Protein backbone atom coordinates (compact mmCIF):
# COMPACT_ATOMS: atom_id res chain seq x y z
CA MET A 1 95.83 109.57 -72.83
CA ILE A 2 97.42 106.55 -70.97
CA ALA A 3 94.56 106.29 -68.32
CA ALA A 4 91.85 106.22 -71.38
CA VAL A 5 89.82 109.10 -69.66
CA ALA A 6 88.62 112.28 -71.15
CA LYS A 7 90.58 115.64 -70.46
CA ASN A 8 87.83 116.78 -68.20
CA ALA A 9 88.31 113.80 -65.86
CA SER A 10 91.57 113.04 -63.63
CA PRO A 11 93.79 110.20 -64.59
CA LEU A 12 94.51 109.29 -61.21
CA THR A 13 91.40 110.20 -59.25
CA MET A 14 87.76 110.05 -59.58
CA ALA A 15 87.56 113.81 -59.74
CA THR A 16 86.06 115.65 -62.86
CA GLN A 17 86.21 119.01 -63.95
CA GLU A 18 83.88 120.44 -61.51
CA HIS A 19 85.96 119.04 -58.75
CA PHE A 20 89.27 120.24 -60.04
CA GLY A 21 89.38 123.36 -57.79
CA ASP A 22 87.69 122.08 -54.45
CA GLY A 23 91.32 121.08 -52.74
CA ILE A 24 90.01 117.56 -51.98
CA LEU A 25 91.86 114.35 -52.59
CA HIS A 26 89.31 112.05 -54.25
CA PRO A 27 89.22 108.24 -54.19
CA PRO A 28 91.53 106.81 -56.75
CA ARG A 29 90.55 106.01 -60.33
CA THR A 30 91.38 102.27 -60.41
CA ARG A 31 92.25 99.98 -63.20
CA LYS A 32 89.06 97.70 -62.40
CA HIS A 33 86.62 100.58 -62.41
CA THR A 34 87.97 101.99 -65.76
CA LEU A 35 87.67 98.47 -67.28
CA GLU A 36 84.23 97.98 -65.95
CA LEU A 37 82.87 100.95 -67.72
CA LEU A 38 84.36 100.05 -70.93
CA ILE A 39 82.72 96.50 -70.63
CA ASP A 40 79.50 98.03 -69.72
CA ILE A 41 79.77 100.42 -72.96
CA ALA A 42 80.78 97.52 -75.15
CA LYS A 43 77.60 95.72 -74.05
CA MET A 44 75.56 98.36 -75.49
CA VAL A 45 77.81 99.87 -78.45
CA ASP A 46 80.03 98.13 -80.81
CA PRO A 47 83.51 99.42 -80.14
CA TRP A 48 84.05 99.49 -83.70
CA ASP A 49 81.42 102.05 -84.36
CA LEU A 50 83.72 104.61 -83.57
CA ASP A 51 81.53 107.50 -83.50
CA LYS A 52 78.58 105.91 -81.26
CA PHE A 53 81.26 104.38 -79.00
CA GLN A 54 83.30 107.49 -78.28
CA LYS A 55 80.05 109.42 -77.45
CA ALA A 56 79.01 106.94 -75.22
CA ALA A 57 82.41 106.86 -73.60
CA LYS A 58 82.40 110.65 -73.23
CA ALA A 59 79.26 110.40 -71.25
CA LEU A 60 80.98 108.53 -68.76
CA ASN A 61 84.30 110.75 -68.75
CA LEU A 62 86.35 108.07 -71.03
CA SER A 63 88.53 108.87 -73.93
CA GLY A 64 86.81 106.33 -76.38
CA VAL A 65 89.92 103.94 -76.31
CA HIS A 66 87.99 100.58 -75.90
CA MET A 67 91.30 98.63 -75.25
CA PRO A 68 93.87 100.38 -73.23
CA TYR A 69 97.38 98.88 -73.77
CA TRP A 70 97.50 97.96 -69.86
CA HIS A 71 94.23 96.17 -69.98
CA ASP A 72 95.89 92.67 -69.37
CA TRP A 73 98.27 93.99 -66.79
CA ILE A 74 96.67 92.09 -64.03
CA CYS A 75 98.68 93.58 -61.14
CA ALA A 76 98.90 96.99 -62.21
CA CYS A 77 96.69 100.10 -61.28
CA LEU A 78 97.12 103.38 -62.86
CA SER A 79 96.44 105.23 -59.69
CA ILE A 80 99.71 103.75 -58.40
CA PHE A 81 102.19 103.60 -61.35
CA LEU A 82 101.26 106.57 -63.16
CA ALA A 83 103.84 109.31 -61.89
CA GLY A 84 103.13 112.95 -62.00
CA GLU A 85 105.23 114.69 -64.31
CA ILE A 86 106.99 117.50 -62.53
CA LEU A 87 107.97 119.77 -65.48
CA HIS A 88 104.19 120.29 -66.94
CA THR A 89 102.16 119.72 -63.70
CA CYS A 90 104.33 121.87 -61.35
CA PHE A 91 106.65 124.12 -63.01
CA LYS A 92 104.38 125.10 -66.04
CA PHE A 93 101.34 125.01 -64.00
CA SER A 94 102.81 127.65 -61.52
CA ALA A 95 104.17 129.78 -64.39
CA ASN A 96 100.90 129.99 -66.13
CA HIS A 97 98.72 130.26 -63.28
CA PRO A 98 99.92 131.17 -59.63
CA LEU A 99 102.93 133.40 -60.83
CA LYS A 100 100.37 135.51 -62.77
CA TRP A 101 98.11 135.70 -59.84
CA VAL A 102 100.77 136.50 -57.51
CA LYS A 103 101.94 139.60 -59.82
CA GLU A 104 98.69 141.12 -59.57
CA THR A 105 97.62 140.44 -55.93
CA ASN A 106 99.38 140.68 -52.70
CA PRO A 107 101.09 137.50 -51.88
CA VAL A 108 99.43 135.12 -49.31
CA HIS A 109 101.88 132.72 -48.69
CA SER A 110 104.66 133.11 -46.08
CA LEU A 111 108.16 131.33 -46.63
CA GLN A 112 107.40 128.90 -43.67
CA SER A 113 104.24 127.67 -45.53
CA LEU A 114 106.17 126.84 -48.61
CA GLN A 115 108.50 124.35 -46.75
CA ALA A 116 105.86 121.75 -47.23
CA MET A 117 104.03 121.10 -50.48
CA MET A 118 100.66 119.76 -49.09
CA GLN A 119 100.54 122.72 -46.76
CA ALA A 120 101.47 125.39 -49.44
CA LEU A 121 98.31 123.39 -51.62
CA SER A 122 95.98 123.82 -48.50
CA ASP A 123 96.86 127.38 -48.13
CA PHE A 124 96.13 127.88 -51.64
CA HIS A 125 92.67 126.72 -51.58
CA SER A 126 92.05 128.46 -48.51
CA PHE A 127 92.94 131.94 -50.14
CA LYS A 128 91.85 131.12 -53.86
CA ASP A 129 88.63 133.27 -53.48
CA THR A 130 91.02 136.26 -53.10
CA ILE A 131 92.14 135.66 -56.83
CA VAL A 132 88.74 135.43 -57.93
CA ALA A 133 87.77 138.68 -56.12
CA ALA A 134 90.66 140.41 -57.60
CA GLU A 135 89.64 139.38 -61.13
CA VAL A 136 93.23 137.89 -62.00
CA ARG A 137 91.98 134.58 -62.74
CA LYS A 138 91.25 135.02 -66.50
CA GLY A 139 90.85 132.71 -69.71
CA LYS A 140 90.49 133.30 -73.27
CA ASN A 141 87.09 135.08 -72.96
CA GLY A 142 87.93 137.12 -69.80
CA VAL A 143 87.49 136.50 -65.99
CA LYS A 144 86.79 133.41 -64.84
CA GLU A 145 85.38 132.40 -61.44
CA ASP A 146 86.39 128.95 -61.35
CA PHE A 147 89.64 126.52 -60.83
CA PHE A 148 88.78 123.80 -63.21
CA ILE A 149 92.53 123.08 -63.89
CA PRO A 150 93.20 119.50 -64.39
CA LYS A 151 97.06 120.02 -63.25
CA LEU A 152 95.89 121.76 -59.97
CA GLU A 153 93.64 118.45 -59.20
CA LEU A 154 96.73 116.24 -60.17
CA MET A 155 98.57 117.94 -57.32
CA GLN A 156 96.45 116.54 -54.84
CA SER A 157 98.05 112.87 -55.72
CA PHE A 158 101.71 114.24 -55.50
CA GLU A 159 102.02 113.05 -52.00
CA GLY A 160 100.90 109.62 -52.37
CA THR A 161 102.83 109.24 -55.43
CA ILE A 162 106.11 110.52 -53.96
CA ARG A 163 105.79 108.04 -51.00
CA ARG A 164 104.97 105.20 -53.54
CA LEU A 165 107.58 106.06 -56.29
CA GLY A 166 110.21 108.39 -54.66
CA THR A 167 111.27 111.82 -55.97
CA LEU A 168 109.24 112.61 -58.98
CA MET A 169 112.31 114.43 -60.58
CA GLN A 170 113.48 111.18 -62.00
CA PHE A 171 110.16 111.13 -63.83
CA SER A 172 110.62 114.70 -65.40
CA ALA A 173 110.25 115.24 -69.23
CA ASP A 174 112.41 118.32 -69.00
CA THR A 175 115.95 116.83 -70.43
CA THR A 176 114.05 115.11 -73.26
CA GLU A 177 111.77 117.85 -74.09
CA ARG A 178 114.78 120.02 -74.21
CA LEU A 179 116.60 117.86 -76.39
CA LEU A 180 113.35 117.52 -78.63
CA ILE A 181 113.40 121.28 -78.87
CA MET A 182 116.97 121.91 -79.64
CA HIS A 183 117.43 118.86 -82.22
CA CYS A 184 114.02 118.43 -83.57
CA LYS A 185 111.70 121.33 -83.31
CA ASP A 186 114.28 124.40 -83.97
CA LEU A 187 115.84 122.45 -86.94
CA PHE A 188 112.57 121.19 -88.72
CA PRO A 189 111.87 124.47 -90.43
CA ARG A 190 115.21 124.26 -92.23
CA TRP A 191 114.30 120.65 -93.65
CA LEU A 192 110.62 121.27 -94.31
CA ASP A 193 111.17 122.29 -97.89
CA ASN A 194 113.57 119.10 -98.75
CA GLU A 195 111.55 116.69 -96.45
CA SER A 196 109.48 114.94 -99.11
CA MET A 197 112.33 114.45 -101.40
CA GLU A 198 114.60 113.16 -98.65
CA ILE A 199 111.97 110.84 -97.56
CA PHE A 200 111.48 109.63 -101.10
CA GLY A 201 115.46 109.23 -101.77
CA LEU A 202 115.60 107.07 -98.69
CA TYR A 203 112.62 104.83 -99.83
CA ALA A 204 114.28 104.61 -103.17
CA LEU A 205 117.66 103.58 -101.69
CA LEU A 206 116.23 100.88 -99.35
CA THR A 207 114.07 99.41 -102.15
CA SER A 208 116.99 99.34 -104.61
CA GLN A 209 119.09 97.45 -101.88
CA GLY A 210 116.39 94.92 -101.14
CA ALA A 211 116.15 96.00 -97.46
CA SER A 212 112.91 95.67 -95.55
CA LEU A 213 112.10 97.47 -92.23
CA VAL A 214 109.09 95.44 -91.39
CA ASN A 215 109.48 94.17 -87.72
CA ALA A 216 113.09 95.95 -87.71
CA ILE A 217 112.38 97.95 -84.41
CA HIS A 218 110.42 95.08 -82.82
CA THR A 219 113.68 92.65 -83.43
CA GLU A 220 116.12 95.59 -82.27
CA ASP A 221 114.11 95.66 -78.85
CA GLU A 222 114.37 91.96 -78.40
CA ASP A 223 118.06 91.83 -78.59
CA VAL A 224 120.28 92.02 -75.67
CA THR A 225 122.25 95.02 -75.67
CA ILE A 226 125.43 96.14 -73.63
CA THR A 227 125.50 99.68 -75.18
CA ASN A 228 124.58 102.58 -72.87
CA PRO A 229 121.38 103.73 -74.72
CA ALA A 230 121.69 107.45 -73.52
CA LEU A 231 125.25 107.69 -74.42
CA SER A 232 124.88 106.00 -77.98
CA TRP A 233 121.80 108.25 -78.77
CA VAL A 234 123.91 111.40 -77.76
CA SER A 235 126.85 110.41 -79.79
CA HIS A 236 124.67 110.31 -82.93
CA ILE A 237 123.18 113.71 -82.46
CA LEU A 238 126.47 115.58 -81.78
CA PRO A 239 127.43 118.50 -83.96
CA ASP A 240 129.68 117.72 -86.95
CA GLU A 241 132.68 119.21 -85.27
CA VAL A 242 132.56 117.00 -82.17
CA LYS A 243 134.06 113.82 -83.00
CA SER A 244 133.80 111.94 -79.87
CA VAL A 245 132.01 111.79 -76.29
CA HIS A 246 133.37 110.56 -73.21
CA GLY A 247 131.25 108.40 -70.74
CA PRO A 248 131.52 105.43 -68.70
CA ARG A 249 133.50 102.22 -69.67
CA PRO A 250 131.67 99.68 -71.85
CA VAL A 251 129.53 97.30 -70.16
CA ARG A 252 130.87 93.72 -70.08
CA ASN A 253 128.28 91.07 -70.59
CA HIS A 254 129.01 88.34 -67.93
CA PHE A 255 126.12 86.52 -68.79
CA LEU A 256 128.12 84.95 -71.79
CA LYS A 257 130.75 83.21 -69.80
CA GLY A 258 130.16 84.00 -66.19
CA ILE A 259 128.46 81.71 -63.58
CA LEU A 260 124.68 81.80 -64.05
CA SER A 261 121.85 81.80 -61.30
CA GLY A 262 119.20 78.91 -61.59
CA ASP A 263 116.87 81.14 -63.05
CA ALA A 264 119.57 82.78 -65.54
CA LEU A 265 118.45 86.21 -64.45
CA THR A 266 121.80 86.83 -62.38
CA ALA A 267 125.40 86.42 -63.55
CA PHE A 268 128.44 86.08 -61.52
CA GLN A 269 132.06 86.66 -62.39
CA LEU A 270 135.38 86.08 -60.55
CA ASN A 271 139.00 85.89 -61.60
CA VAL A 272 140.27 82.52 -62.82
CA THR A 273 143.26 82.87 -60.57
CA PRO A 274 142.14 82.93 -56.80
CA ASP A 275 143.80 85.66 -54.43
CA TYR A 276 144.85 82.69 -52.02
CA LYS A 277 145.38 79.40 -53.88
CA SER A 278 145.66 77.20 -50.82
CA LEU A 279 144.66 78.07 -47.30
CA SER A 280 144.02 76.08 -44.35
CA LEU A 281 140.89 76.19 -41.94
CA ALA A 282 143.27 77.72 -39.10
CA GLU A 283 144.64 80.18 -41.71
CA ILE A 284 141.32 81.19 -42.46
CA HIS A 285 140.54 81.66 -38.66
CA THR A 286 143.65 83.72 -38.34
CA LYS A 287 143.30 86.05 -41.65
CA TYR A 288 139.62 86.58 -41.63
CA THR A 289 138.90 86.38 -37.85
CA LEU A 290 136.02 84.20 -38.35
CA PRO A 291 135.51 81.86 -35.10
CA ASP A 292 132.63 80.00 -36.09
CA PHE A 293 133.55 79.27 -39.73
CA ASP A 294 134.59 75.61 -39.19
CA ARG A 295 131.31 74.77 -37.40
CA VAL A 296 128.96 76.55 -39.96
CA LEU A 297 131.00 74.92 -42.81
CA THR A 298 130.39 71.39 -41.07
CA ASP A 299 126.73 72.03 -40.59
CA PHE A 300 126.29 73.12 -44.06
CA ILE A 301 127.98 69.81 -45.39
CA HIS A 302 126.02 67.96 -43.02
CA HIS A 303 122.68 69.19 -44.23
CA SER A 304 123.66 69.14 -47.88
CA SER A 305 124.53 65.56 -47.45
CA LEU A 306 121.06 64.66 -45.78
CA ALA A 307 119.22 66.72 -48.43
CA ASN A 308 120.96 64.85 -51.32
CA SER A 309 121.51 61.53 -49.55
CA LYS A 310 125.24 61.79 -50.52
CA HIS A 311 127.97 61.86 -48.17
CA THR A 312 131.60 62.75 -48.22
CA HIS A 313 134.82 61.79 -46.65
CA TRP A 314 136.26 65.14 -47.15
CA ASP A 315 137.15 66.65 -43.87
CA PRO A 316 137.34 70.42 -43.54
CA LYS A 317 140.00 70.30 -40.93
CA TYR A 318 142.39 68.86 -43.20
CA GLY A 319 141.26 70.50 -46.51
CA ARG A 320 142.46 73.21 -48.21
CA PHE A 321 140.56 76.35 -49.81
CA GLN A 322 140.93 78.70 -52.63
CA VAL A 323 139.80 82.23 -51.50
CA TRP A 324 138.90 85.40 -53.63
CA ASN A 325 138.67 88.85 -52.49
CA LYS A 326 135.79 89.78 -54.57
CA PHE A 327 133.33 88.79 -57.24
CA GLN A 328 130.94 90.77 -59.91
CA LEU A 329 127.31 90.54 -59.70
CA GLN A 330 125.32 91.62 -62.96
CA LEU A 331 121.62 92.01 -63.78
CA HIS A 332 119.40 92.85 -66.51
CA SER A 333 117.52 96.27 -66.07
CA ALA A 334 113.96 95.72 -64.22
CA PHE A 335 112.84 98.51 -66.60
CA GLN A 336 114.38 97.33 -69.76
CA PRO A 337 115.21 93.54 -69.69
CA ARG A 338 117.08 93.59 -72.83
CA VAL A 339 119.53 96.22 -70.94
CA ILE A 340 122.52 94.73 -69.17
CA MET A 341 123.32 96.60 -66.19
CA PRO A 342 126.98 97.39 -65.14
CA GLY A 343 128.22 94.61 -62.85
CA ARG A 344 128.42 95.46 -59.22
CA VAL A 345 131.73 94.60 -57.35
CA VAL A 346 131.09 92.39 -54.12
CA GLN A 347 134.18 92.67 -51.85
CA ALA A 348 135.36 90.45 -49.25
CA TYR A 349 138.83 91.62 -48.09
CA PRO A 350 140.37 90.38 -44.82
CA PRO A 351 141.54 92.77 -42.09
CA SER A 352 144.29 94.98 -43.14
CA ASN A 353 146.05 98.44 -42.28
CA ASP A 354 143.42 100.39 -44.15
CA PHE A 355 140.58 98.19 -43.10
CA PRO A 356 141.28 96.86 -39.52
CA LEU A 357 137.88 95.11 -39.48
CA GLY A 358 137.86 93.99 -42.90
CA ASN A 359 136.37 95.47 -46.46
CA CYS A 360 133.23 93.26 -46.86
CA ASN A 361 129.97 94.44 -48.87
CA THR A 362 126.25 93.60 -48.15
CA ILE A 363 124.09 91.77 -50.66
CA LEU A 364 120.52 90.20 -50.77
CA ILE A 365 120.42 86.57 -50.80
CA ASP A 366 117.71 84.04 -50.98
CA GLY A 367 117.68 81.45 -48.43
CA PRO A 368 115.44 79.46 -46.18
CA GLY A 369 113.15 81.32 -43.60
CA MET A 370 111.82 80.25 -40.14
CA ASP A 371 109.33 77.93 -41.86
CA ASP A 372 111.87 76.82 -44.47
CA SER A 373 110.36 78.75 -47.31
CA ILE A 374 112.50 80.64 -49.57
CA MET A 375 112.86 84.28 -48.71
CA SER A 376 115.29 87.24 -49.02
CA HIS A 377 117.92 87.89 -46.31
CA VAL A 378 120.24 91.12 -46.03
CA THR A 379 123.99 89.56 -45.59
CA GLN A 380 127.40 90.61 -45.34
CA VAL A 381 129.91 88.76 -47.56
CA ARG A 382 132.81 87.81 -45.26
CA LEU A 383 134.35 85.11 -47.36
CA ILE A 384 134.32 84.01 -50.88
CA PHE A 385 135.78 80.28 -51.15
CA GLN A 386 135.96 77.03 -52.93
CA PRO A 387 137.25 73.76 -51.24
CA THR A 388 140.09 72.00 -53.43
CA ILE A 389 141.05 68.27 -53.35
CA GLN A 390 144.95 67.66 -52.88
CA GLN A 391 146.59 66.26 -56.05
CA GLY A 392 146.69 62.48 -56.08
CA SER A 393 143.51 62.32 -53.61
CA ASP A 394 140.74 59.61 -54.10
CA VAL A 395 138.35 61.80 -52.28
CA GLU A 396 135.55 63.40 -54.30
CA LEU A 397 133.90 66.57 -53.37
CA PRO A 398 130.03 66.35 -53.20
CA ALA A 399 128.04 68.88 -55.52
CA CYS A 400 127.20 71.33 -52.39
CA LEU A 401 131.04 72.01 -52.23
CA SER A 402 131.96 71.95 -56.08
CA ASN A 403 130.56 75.50 -56.63
CA LEU A 404 131.84 78.80 -55.44
CA LEU A 405 130.61 79.62 -51.68
CA LEU A 406 130.20 82.30 -49.65
CA TYR A 407 130.48 82.89 -46.03
CA VAL A 408 127.69 85.42 -44.90
CA GLN A 409 126.63 87.05 -41.67
CA TYR A 410 123.04 87.77 -41.24
CA PHE A 411 121.12 91.13 -40.55
CA CYS A 412 117.54 90.91 -39.41
CA PHE A 413 114.43 93.34 -40.24
CA ILE A 414 113.43 95.29 -37.25
CA SER A 415 111.17 97.87 -38.84
CA CYS A 416 109.60 98.81 -42.05
CA PRO A 417 109.32 102.08 -44.03
CA GLU A 418 105.89 103.13 -42.65
CA ASP A 419 107.86 103.18 -39.20
CA HIS A 420 109.86 105.95 -40.32
CA PRO A 421 107.74 107.96 -42.86
CA GLU A 422 110.30 110.68 -42.72
CA LEU A 423 112.82 108.38 -44.32
CA MET A 424 110.79 105.61 -45.59
CA MET A 425 113.50 102.95 -45.31
CA TRP A 426 113.75 99.59 -43.74
CA THR A 427 115.84 99.13 -40.83
CA VAL A 428 118.10 96.10 -40.14
CA GLU A 429 120.63 95.07 -37.23
CA HIS A 430 123.49 92.47 -36.78
CA VAL A 431 122.29 88.94 -35.52
CA TYR A 432 124.10 87.49 -32.93
CA THR A 433 124.43 83.93 -31.41
CA HIS A 434 126.18 82.28 -28.76
CA ASP A 435 128.57 79.25 -29.27
CA ALA A 436 129.11 76.11 -27.03
CA ASN A 437 131.46 78.01 -24.84
CA GLY A 438 128.84 80.99 -24.21
CA ASN A 439 130.88 83.36 -26.43
CA CYS A 440 128.70 85.97 -28.44
CA HIS A 441 129.28 86.60 -32.10
CA ARG A 442 127.72 87.19 -35.24
CA GLN A 443 125.55 84.74 -36.85
CA GLY A 444 126.99 83.34 -39.99
CA ALA A 445 126.10 80.80 -42.61
CA ILE A 446 127.29 79.06 -45.98
CA MET A 447 125.53 79.80 -49.05
CA GLN A 448 126.13 79.26 -52.70
CA VAL A 449 127.14 82.28 -54.57
CA MET A 450 124.11 81.64 -57.09
CA ASP A 451 121.93 82.40 -54.28
CA ALA A 452 122.97 86.04 -54.30
CA THR A 453 120.55 88.38 -56.12
CA HIS A 454 121.32 92.05 -55.60
CA ALA A 455 124.06 94.14 -54.06
CA VAL A 456 122.56 96.58 -51.30
CA GLU A 457 123.90 99.62 -49.48
CA LEU A 458 123.44 100.13 -45.79
CA ILE A 459 123.68 103.45 -43.99
CA PRO A 460 124.27 103.32 -40.07
CA GLU A 461 122.02 104.53 -37.65
CA TYR A 462 124.19 107.26 -36.20
CA GLY A 463 121.97 108.36 -33.55
CA GLU A 464 122.10 111.72 -31.93
CA ALA A 465 126.14 112.19 -32.53
CA VAL A 466 128.67 110.47 -34.63
CA ASP A 467 131.71 109.29 -32.82
CA LYS A 468 134.62 111.33 -34.41
CA SER A 469 136.80 108.03 -34.40
CA MET A 470 134.30 106.33 -36.91
CA THR A 471 135.42 106.22 -40.43
CA SER A 472 133.82 104.69 -43.56
CA ALA A 473 136.18 101.68 -43.22
CA THR A 474 134.92 100.67 -39.98
CA CYS A 475 131.35 102.01 -39.46
CA LEU A 476 129.76 98.77 -41.20
CA GLU A 477 131.48 96.90 -38.21
CA SER A 478 130.95 99.03 -35.40
CA TYR A 479 127.18 100.13 -35.56
CA LYS A 480 124.37 97.67 -34.62
CA CYS A 481 121.54 99.13 -36.68
CA PHE A 482 121.31 100.33 -40.36
CA PHE A 483 118.82 101.81 -42.91
CA LEU A 484 118.69 99.95 -46.05
CA ASN A 485 119.24 102.50 -48.67
CA ASN A 486 116.38 101.76 -51.15
CA PHE A 487 116.87 105.19 -52.64
CA ALA A 488 120.46 104.58 -54.13
CA ASP A 489 119.12 104.33 -57.80
CA LYS A 490 115.95 103.26 -59.54
CA GLU A 491 116.73 99.68 -59.83
CA SER A 492 117.23 99.35 -56.34
CA TYR A 493 114.07 101.21 -55.54
CA HIS A 494 112.29 98.96 -57.79
CA VAL A 495 113.47 95.80 -55.97
CA PHE A 496 112.51 96.99 -52.46
CA SER A 497 109.13 98.16 -53.83
CA THR A 498 108.51 95.03 -55.12
CA LYS A 499 110.26 92.16 -53.19
CA PHE A 500 109.51 93.52 -49.71
CA VAL A 501 105.80 94.81 -50.07
């Protein structure tokens, strides 16, 4: 239906009914190919002459929809984004076909062959003639000698789909279909007799109150919401005896009063009162163990002054700093822009007894690359601060110092997902530099908090064995290489599938 192809053709590949059982992964059915066919048909047949247009479309294995809703999605291709549906394509296919065949024939698969999906699929095609010979492949009219099963052909695309989109379980319709059966299909017969009267009563009530439902759903979709949609829906379909449902805390909308990024797509929130109201440069050195902080801050002020042609007399050596231990970063959902995601806490705690090397989180931040173009960097936030002016001073802070600032330390990318096909993750490592005295330490930089775009998770590359003295409080500071966890959630997977392609 979505792909605008007929039921005797695959929505993902160029395979048609006679190819469904051949066990071959056919070329992808691209957006360009489908639209070109529709254009060619429209040149010969008027699309609004539905009967003639559909007959011409069916001859080319199309459904007859002359303007699919995705026709103007320039960068989208169904062969890529149309995910296999695991409930129907896998579970129901297995129950409806292979399970019945295996019950009537000797099993042809070993436990070892089932460990790899594609190997099992290959084994099936190797031995499918046994099923035909045993005459257990049956249809409504008796024994069949073909395997023209659309779901069987779709399974050829599962390997590629999983590599592009991650586990297919996240796209399963099992949960929603079960809810539909429980709360709609099973209840519908009880309502059938009174349905017409209830609809008429509802219409009469709305009309008597002058209410209009025109564009109501569209308007609702455009409104920004901070309500958890799933939890809200569940609360409405609960049985009468259940008065409440417990769920996560309501999402606070930091876009209303927080700090907004330049494109207004990211909101930041931090406490009004800083954790440290007035620290000197020396105190920051001691407390946070940042050997190059003063040099990096001086470079940041110098480069900002050159860019803005505004110089400052404020000297960081004698200045004071407000410091925070954490802030919150909030985004809109990449899949439902009107839904505001829960805020992610980004921490930058100094070393302590519980965290001897500090407790500092990692984020994606937009900054200049090697050619001065803006690119995304993986960084660790080591300090959240803002310079202050002593009361009574006539020195003014330049614009570059009047906003909330971050001292971050860089990671660099050393391999891409294709280098580790068994993991499909990016790999990063700490970046080091040498100071004027030849001492080696991690490379840092000053960035504005509004340059942060996403909170990210890193997994240490432990090697063959994990040091028993290692803990979650020290591993981020003790290892050199890390995997960038793009499977943390659907939002993270979307970011790394689009931002780093």
